[in-house]
N, C-alpha and C. Protein backbone atom coordinates (compact mmCIF):
# COMPACT_ATOMS: atom_id res chain seq x y z
N MET A 1 133.29 104.24 97.27
CA MET A 1 133.28 105.48 98.03
C MET A 1 132.53 106.55 97.23
N MET A 2 131.98 107.44 97.95
CA MET A 2 131.20 108.51 97.37
C MET A 2 132.12 109.71 97.11
N ASN A 3 131.97 110.32 95.93
CA ASN A 3 132.78 111.52 95.68
C ASN A 3 132.06 112.76 96.20
N PRO A 4 132.77 113.89 96.31
CA PRO A 4 132.16 115.10 96.88
C PRO A 4 130.91 115.57 96.12
N PHE A 5 130.93 115.44 94.80
CA PHE A 5 129.77 115.88 94.02
C PHE A 5 128.52 115.08 94.41
N ILE A 6 128.68 113.78 94.58
CA ILE A 6 127.53 112.94 94.96
C ILE A 6 127.01 113.36 96.33
N ALA A 7 127.92 113.61 97.25
CA ALA A 7 127.51 114.05 98.59
C ALA A 7 126.73 115.36 98.49
N PHE A 8 127.22 116.28 97.67
CA PHE A 8 126.54 117.57 97.47
C PHE A 8 125.18 117.35 96.81
N SER A 9 125.15 116.50 95.77
CA SER A 9 123.91 116.33 95.02
C SER A 9 122.80 115.72 95.86
N MET A 10 123.16 114.87 96.81
CA MET A 10 122.14 114.28 97.69
C MET A 10 121.42 115.38 98.48
N ASP A 11 122.20 116.33 99.00
CA ASP A 11 121.60 117.44 99.75
C ASP A 11 120.84 118.39 98.83
N GLU A 12 121.47 118.72 97.72
CA GLU A 12 120.90 119.72 96.81
C GLU A 12 119.59 119.25 96.19
N ARG A 13 119.51 117.96 95.84
CA ARG A 13 118.27 117.42 95.26
C ARG A 13 117.10 117.60 96.23
N LYS A 14 117.37 117.32 97.50
CA LYS A 14 116.32 117.47 98.51
C LYS A 14 115.83 118.92 98.57
N LYS A 15 116.77 119.87 98.52
CA LYS A 15 116.41 121.28 98.59
C LYS A 15 115.59 121.70 97.37
N ILE A 16 116.03 121.26 96.19
CA ILE A 16 115.34 121.64 94.95
C ILE A 16 113.93 121.09 94.93
N VAL A 17 113.76 119.84 95.30
CA VAL A 17 112.43 119.21 95.29
C VAL A 17 111.55 119.80 96.38
N ALA A 18 112.15 120.21 97.50
CA ALA A 18 111.36 120.84 98.56
C ALA A 18 110.80 122.18 98.09
N LYS A 19 111.58 122.92 97.30
CA LYS A 19 111.11 124.21 96.77
C LYS A 19 110.02 124.02 95.72
N ASP A 20 110.19 122.99 94.86
CA ASP A 20 109.23 122.76 93.78
C ASP A 20 108.97 121.26 93.66
N PRO A 21 107.96 120.74 94.38
CA PRO A 21 107.67 119.30 94.37
C PRO A 21 107.35 118.73 92.98
N SER A 22 106.92 119.57 92.04
CA SER A 22 106.61 119.07 90.71
C SER A 22 107.86 118.55 89.98
N LEU A 23 109.04 118.92 90.46
CA LEU A 23 110.28 118.48 89.84
C LEU A 23 110.71 117.09 90.29
N LYS A 24 110.01 116.52 91.23
CA LYS A 24 110.40 115.23 91.80
C LYS A 24 110.54 114.15 90.71
N SER A 25 109.67 114.19 89.73
CA SER A 25 109.71 113.16 88.68
C SER A 25 110.58 113.56 87.50
N ASP A 26 111.06 114.79 87.45
CA ASP A 26 111.89 115.24 86.33
C ASP A 26 113.36 115.15 86.72
N ILE A 27 113.88 113.94 86.68
CA ILE A 27 115.24 113.67 87.14
C ILE A 27 116.27 114.44 86.33
N GLY A 28 116.07 114.52 85.02
CA GLY A 28 117.03 115.21 84.17
C GLY A 28 117.15 116.68 84.50
N LYS A 29 116.03 117.34 84.68
CA LYS A 29 116.04 118.77 84.99
C LYS A 29 116.68 119.03 86.35
N VAL A 30 116.34 118.20 87.33
CA VAL A 30 116.92 118.35 88.66
C VAL A 30 118.42 118.13 88.59
N GLY A 31 118.85 117.14 87.81
CA GLY A 31 120.27 116.87 87.65
C GLY A 31 121.02 118.06 87.07
N LYS A 32 120.41 118.71 86.08
CA LYS A 32 121.04 119.90 85.50
C LYS A 32 121.13 121.02 86.53
N MET A 33 120.08 121.17 87.31
CA MET A 33 120.08 122.22 88.34
C MET A 33 121.16 121.95 89.39
N VAL A 34 121.32 120.69 89.76
CA VAL A 34 122.35 120.32 90.73
C VAL A 34 123.73 120.62 90.14
N GLY A 35 123.92 120.26 88.88
CA GLY A 35 125.21 120.53 88.23
C GLY A 35 125.54 122.01 88.19
N GLU A 36 124.53 122.83 87.86
CA GLU A 36 124.74 124.28 87.83
C GLU A 36 125.11 124.81 89.21
N ALA A 37 124.43 124.31 90.23
CA ALA A 37 124.70 124.77 91.59
C ALA A 37 126.11 124.35 92.02
N TRP A 38 126.55 123.16 91.61
CA TRP A 38 127.89 122.68 91.94
C TRP A 38 128.96 123.57 91.29
N ARG A 39 128.74 123.91 90.03
CA ARG A 39 129.71 124.74 89.32
C ARG A 39 129.82 126.14 89.93
N LYS A 40 128.77 126.63 90.56
CA LYS A 40 128.80 127.96 91.18
C LYS A 40 129.53 127.97 92.53
N LEU A 41 129.72 126.79 93.13
CA LEU A 41 130.39 126.72 94.43
C LEU A 41 131.88 127.04 94.29
N THR A 42 132.42 127.65 95.33
CA THR A 42 133.86 127.90 95.37
C THR A 42 134.55 126.62 95.84
N ASP A 43 135.86 126.55 95.69
CA ASP A 43 136.60 125.38 96.13
C ASP A 43 136.45 125.18 97.64
N ALA A 44 136.39 126.26 98.38
CA ALA A 44 136.23 126.16 99.83
C ALA A 44 134.88 125.54 100.18
N GLU A 45 133.84 125.94 99.45
CA GLU A 45 132.51 125.38 99.69
C GLU A 45 132.46 123.90 99.30
N LYS A 46 133.15 123.56 98.21
CA LYS A 46 133.17 122.16 97.76
C LYS A 46 133.93 121.29 98.75
N SER A 47 134.94 121.86 99.40
CA SER A 47 135.79 121.06 100.30
C SER A 47 135.02 120.53 101.51
N LYS A 48 133.93 121.20 101.89
CA LYS A 48 133.19 120.69 103.05
C LYS A 48 132.48 119.37 102.74
N TYR A 49 132.30 119.06 101.46
CA TYR A 49 131.68 117.80 101.07
C TYR A 49 132.69 116.67 100.96
N LYS A 50 133.97 117.00 100.98
CA LYS A 50 135.00 115.95 100.89
C LYS A 50 135.00 115.09 102.14
N GLY A 51 134.72 115.68 103.29
CA GLY A 51 134.67 114.90 104.53
C GLY A 51 133.59 113.84 104.50
N ARG A 52 132.43 114.19 103.98
CA ARG A 52 131.33 113.22 103.87
C ARG A 52 131.60 112.21 102.78
N ALA A 53 132.30 112.66 101.74
CA ALA A 53 132.51 111.80 100.59
C ALA A 53 133.47 110.65 100.88
N GLY A 54 134.31 110.81 101.87
CA GLY A 54 135.30 109.78 102.15
C GLY A 54 134.74 108.53 102.79
N LYS A 55 133.53 108.57 103.29
CA LYS A 55 132.96 107.42 103.96
C LYS A 55 132.49 106.38 102.96
N LYS A 56 132.80 105.13 103.24
CA LYS A 56 132.33 104.06 102.39
C LYS A 56 130.85 103.85 102.66
N SER A 57 130.12 103.54 101.62
CA SER A 57 128.68 103.35 101.81
C SER A 57 128.24 101.92 101.52
N THR A 58 129.18 101.01 101.47
CA THR A 58 128.81 99.63 101.22
C THR A 58 128.31 98.97 102.51
N ARG A 59 127.64 97.87 102.36
CA ARG A 59 127.13 97.15 103.53
C ARG A 59 128.28 96.70 104.42
N LYS A 60 129.35 96.24 103.77
CA LYS A 60 130.50 95.78 104.53
C LYS A 60 131.09 96.93 105.35
N ALA A 61 131.18 98.11 104.73
CA ALA A 61 131.74 99.27 105.43
C ALA A 61 130.84 99.68 106.59
N LYS A 62 129.53 99.63 106.40
CA LYS A 62 128.60 99.97 107.47
C LYS A 62 128.74 99.00 108.63
N LYS A 63 128.91 97.73 108.30
CA LYS A 63 129.08 96.72 109.34
C LYS A 63 130.37 96.98 110.12
N GLU A 64 131.44 97.33 109.38
CA GLU A 64 132.72 97.63 110.02
C GLU A 64 132.59 98.83 110.96
N ARG A 65 131.88 99.87 110.51
CA ARG A 65 131.70 101.06 111.36
C ARG A 65 130.93 100.73 112.62
N LYS A 66 129.90 99.89 112.49
CA LYS A 66 129.13 99.50 113.67
C LYS A 66 130.00 98.74 114.66
N GLU A 67 130.85 97.86 114.14
CA GLU A 67 131.74 97.10 115.00
C GLU A 67 132.72 98.02 115.72
N GLU A 68 133.22 99.03 115.00
CA GLU A 68 134.14 99.99 115.60
C GLU A 68 133.47 100.79 116.71
N GLU A 69 132.18 101.06 116.51
CA GLU A 69 131.43 101.84 117.50
C GLU A 69 131.01 100.98 118.69
N GLY A 70 131.31 99.70 118.64
CA GLY A 70 130.98 98.83 119.76
C GLY A 70 129.64 98.13 119.62
N ALA A 71 129.01 98.25 118.48
CA ALA A 71 127.75 97.56 118.26
C ALA A 71 128.04 96.08 118.05
N PRO A 72 127.06 95.22 118.27
CA PRO A 72 127.28 93.80 118.06
C PRO A 72 127.73 93.52 116.62
N ALA A 73 128.45 92.46 116.44
CA ALA A 73 129.04 92.13 115.14
C ALA A 73 128.00 91.88 114.07
N GLY A 74 126.81 91.64 114.42
CA GLY A 74 125.76 91.42 113.42
C GLY A 74 124.76 90.40 113.92
N ARG A 75 123.75 90.21 113.13
CA ARG A 75 122.72 89.24 113.51
C ARG A 75 123.27 87.83 113.36
N LYS A 76 122.59 86.93 113.99
CA LYS A 76 122.98 85.54 113.84
C LYS A 76 122.80 85.15 112.38
N GLU A 77 123.61 84.22 111.96
CA GLU A 77 123.50 83.76 110.59
C GLU A 77 122.15 83.08 110.40
N LYS A 78 121.49 83.41 109.31
CA LYS A 78 120.19 82.82 109.07
C LYS A 78 120.34 81.34 108.76
N ARG A 79 119.45 80.57 109.33
CA ARG A 79 119.47 79.15 109.03
C ARG A 79 118.80 78.94 107.69
N LYS A 80 119.37 78.06 106.95
CA LYS A 80 118.75 77.74 105.67
C LYS A 80 117.62 76.77 105.93
N GLY A 81 116.46 77.11 105.43
CA GLY A 81 115.31 76.26 105.62
C GLY A 81 115.42 74.99 104.80
N THR A 82 114.72 74.00 105.23
CA THR A 82 114.73 72.75 104.48
C THR A 82 113.87 72.93 103.25
N ARG A 83 114.34 72.38 102.19
CA ARG A 83 113.58 72.49 100.94
C ARG A 83 112.57 71.36 100.85
N ARG A 84 111.45 71.69 100.26
CA ARG A 84 110.47 70.64 100.02
C ARG A 84 110.94 69.81 98.84
N ALA A 85 110.54 68.58 98.81
CA ALA A 85 110.88 67.70 97.70
C ALA A 85 110.18 68.19 96.44
N LEU A 86 110.82 67.97 95.31
CA LEU A 86 110.20 68.36 94.04
C LEU A 86 108.97 67.52 93.78
N SER A 87 107.97 68.13 93.18
CA SER A 87 106.77 67.39 92.81
C SER A 87 107.10 66.51 91.61
N GLY A 88 106.22 65.59 91.33
CA GLY A 88 106.41 64.73 90.17
C GLY A 88 106.50 65.53 88.89
N TYR A 89 105.67 66.54 88.77
CA TYR A 89 105.68 67.38 87.57
C TYR A 89 107.03 68.10 87.43
N MET A 90 107.56 68.63 88.54
CA MET A 90 108.83 69.35 88.47
C MET A 90 109.98 68.40 88.12
N LYS A 91 109.93 67.16 88.62
CA LYS A 91 110.95 66.18 88.25
C LYS A 91 110.86 65.88 86.76
N PHE A 92 109.63 65.77 86.25
CA PHE A 92 109.40 65.53 84.82
C PHE A 92 109.96 66.69 84.01
N VAL A 93 109.65 67.90 84.42
CA VAL A 93 110.12 69.10 83.70
C VAL A 93 111.63 69.13 83.68
N LYS A 94 112.24 68.84 84.80
CA LYS A 94 113.70 68.86 84.91
C LYS A 94 114.33 67.87 83.93
N ALA A 95 113.70 66.70 83.79
CA ALA A 95 114.22 65.67 82.90
C ALA A 95 113.88 65.95 81.44
N GLU A 96 112.72 66.47 81.18
CA GLU A 96 112.22 66.58 79.81
C GLU A 96 112.59 67.90 79.11
N ARG A 97 112.90 68.93 79.86
CA ARG A 97 113.19 70.24 79.27
C ARG A 97 114.33 70.15 78.24
N LYS A 98 115.36 69.38 78.55
CA LYS A 98 116.49 69.24 77.62
C LYS A 98 116.02 68.69 76.27
N ASN A 99 115.11 67.70 76.32
CA ASN A 99 114.61 67.09 75.08
C ASN A 99 113.82 68.10 74.25
N VAL A 100 112.98 68.87 74.92
CA VAL A 100 112.16 69.87 74.22
C VAL A 100 113.07 70.94 73.60
N MET A 101 114.05 71.39 74.38
CA MET A 101 114.95 72.45 73.90
C MET A 101 115.81 71.96 72.73
N SER A 102 116.29 70.72 72.78
CA SER A 102 117.13 70.22 71.69
C SER A 102 116.32 69.98 70.42
N ALA A 103 115.05 69.58 70.58
CA ALA A 103 114.20 69.37 69.41
C ALA A 103 113.74 70.70 68.81
N ASN A 104 113.63 71.74 69.62
CA ASN A 104 113.15 73.05 69.17
C ASN A 104 114.05 74.16 69.73
N PRO A 105 115.26 74.32 69.21
CA PRO A 105 116.19 75.28 69.80
C PRO A 105 115.74 76.74 69.75
N LYS A 106 114.87 77.09 68.85
CA LYS A 106 114.44 78.49 68.73
C LYS A 106 113.11 78.76 69.45
N MET A 107 112.61 77.77 70.18
CA MET A 107 111.33 77.92 70.86
C MET A 107 111.47 78.89 72.03
N ALA A 108 110.50 79.78 72.18
CA ALA A 108 110.51 80.75 73.27
C ALA A 108 110.30 80.05 74.61
N PHE A 109 110.78 80.70 75.67
CA PHE A 109 110.71 80.11 77.02
C PHE A 109 109.28 79.73 77.40
N GLY A 110 108.34 80.62 77.17
CA GLY A 110 106.95 80.35 77.52
C GLY A 110 106.38 79.18 76.73
N ASP A 111 106.77 79.10 75.47
CA ASP A 111 106.29 77.99 74.63
C ASP A 111 106.87 76.66 75.09
N VAL A 112 108.10 76.68 75.59
CA VAL A 112 108.69 75.45 76.13
C VAL A 112 107.85 74.97 77.32
N GLY A 113 107.46 75.89 78.19
CA GLY A 113 106.63 75.54 79.33
C GLY A 113 105.30 74.97 78.90
N LYS A 114 104.70 75.54 77.87
CA LYS A 114 103.42 75.03 77.38
C LYS A 114 103.57 73.63 76.82
N GLU A 115 104.66 73.41 76.09
CA GLU A 115 104.92 72.09 75.51
C GLU A 115 105.13 71.05 76.62
N LEU A 116 105.87 71.44 77.66
CA LEU A 116 106.09 70.52 78.78
C LEU A 116 104.78 70.17 79.46
N GLY A 117 103.92 71.15 79.65
CA GLY A 117 102.61 70.90 80.24
C GLY A 117 101.77 69.96 79.40
N LYS A 118 101.84 70.16 78.09
CA LYS A 118 101.08 69.31 77.17
C LYS A 118 101.59 67.87 77.26
N ARG A 119 102.91 67.71 77.30
CA ARG A 119 103.49 66.37 77.40
C ARG A 119 103.14 65.71 78.74
N TRP A 120 103.12 66.48 79.82
CA TRP A 120 102.78 65.93 81.13
C TRP A 120 101.34 65.44 81.14
N ARG A 121 100.44 66.23 80.57
CA ARG A 121 99.03 65.83 80.54
C ARG A 121 98.82 64.59 79.68
N ALA A 122 99.67 64.39 78.68
CA ALA A 122 99.53 63.24 77.80
C ALA A 122 100.04 61.94 78.44
N LEU A 123 100.81 62.04 79.50
CA LEU A 123 101.33 60.84 80.17
C LEU A 123 100.21 60.09 80.90
N SER A 124 100.35 58.79 80.94
CA SER A 124 99.40 57.98 81.70
C SER A 124 99.74 58.10 83.18
N ASP A 125 98.82 57.69 84.03
CA ASP A 125 99.06 57.76 85.47
C ASP A 125 100.26 56.90 85.87
N ALA A 126 100.42 55.75 85.19
CA ALA A 126 101.54 54.87 85.51
C ALA A 126 102.87 55.57 85.19
N ASP A 127 102.91 56.26 84.06
CA ASP A 127 104.13 56.98 83.68
C ASP A 127 104.40 58.16 84.63
N LYS A 128 103.33 58.81 85.08
CA LYS A 128 103.49 59.94 86.02
C LYS A 128 104.06 59.45 87.36
N LYS A 129 103.70 58.23 87.76
CA LYS A 129 104.18 57.70 89.04
C LYS A 129 105.69 57.50 89.04
N ARG A 130 106.29 57.32 87.85
CA ARG A 130 107.73 57.18 87.76
C ARG A 130 108.44 58.42 88.31
N PHE A 131 107.79 59.55 88.18
CA PHE A 131 108.39 60.81 88.61
C PHE A 131 108.01 61.19 90.04
N ALA A 132 107.12 60.45 90.65
CA ALA A 132 106.64 60.78 92.01
C ALA A 132 107.69 60.54 93.07
């Protein structure tokens, strides 16, 4: 849930940046300005942001609100596409990565990939067919 300060800051940031667009990239300065403006507000002025702050902003909450308003429950569930079969090289990598990593535990990720490529190129065509 959003607290009243966050609700206020969303509005106030827009006003500050509208007055001086050069502040758009200076997040720290804008944040300080928002904080100062919040501290100057009276409790009565702050209370008007409590109503907005009580709303949940999660996806689940938005879906629940739509359902309450009579909107459809949601889109149809996406079908999971069929996966393509792994290539011979990917089957080789899957099998051989453990060997490379155990022989060279401190090897960087990119270097492991290079070593696997080197080993794949060194295989004969007959050996590559085992992974096809």
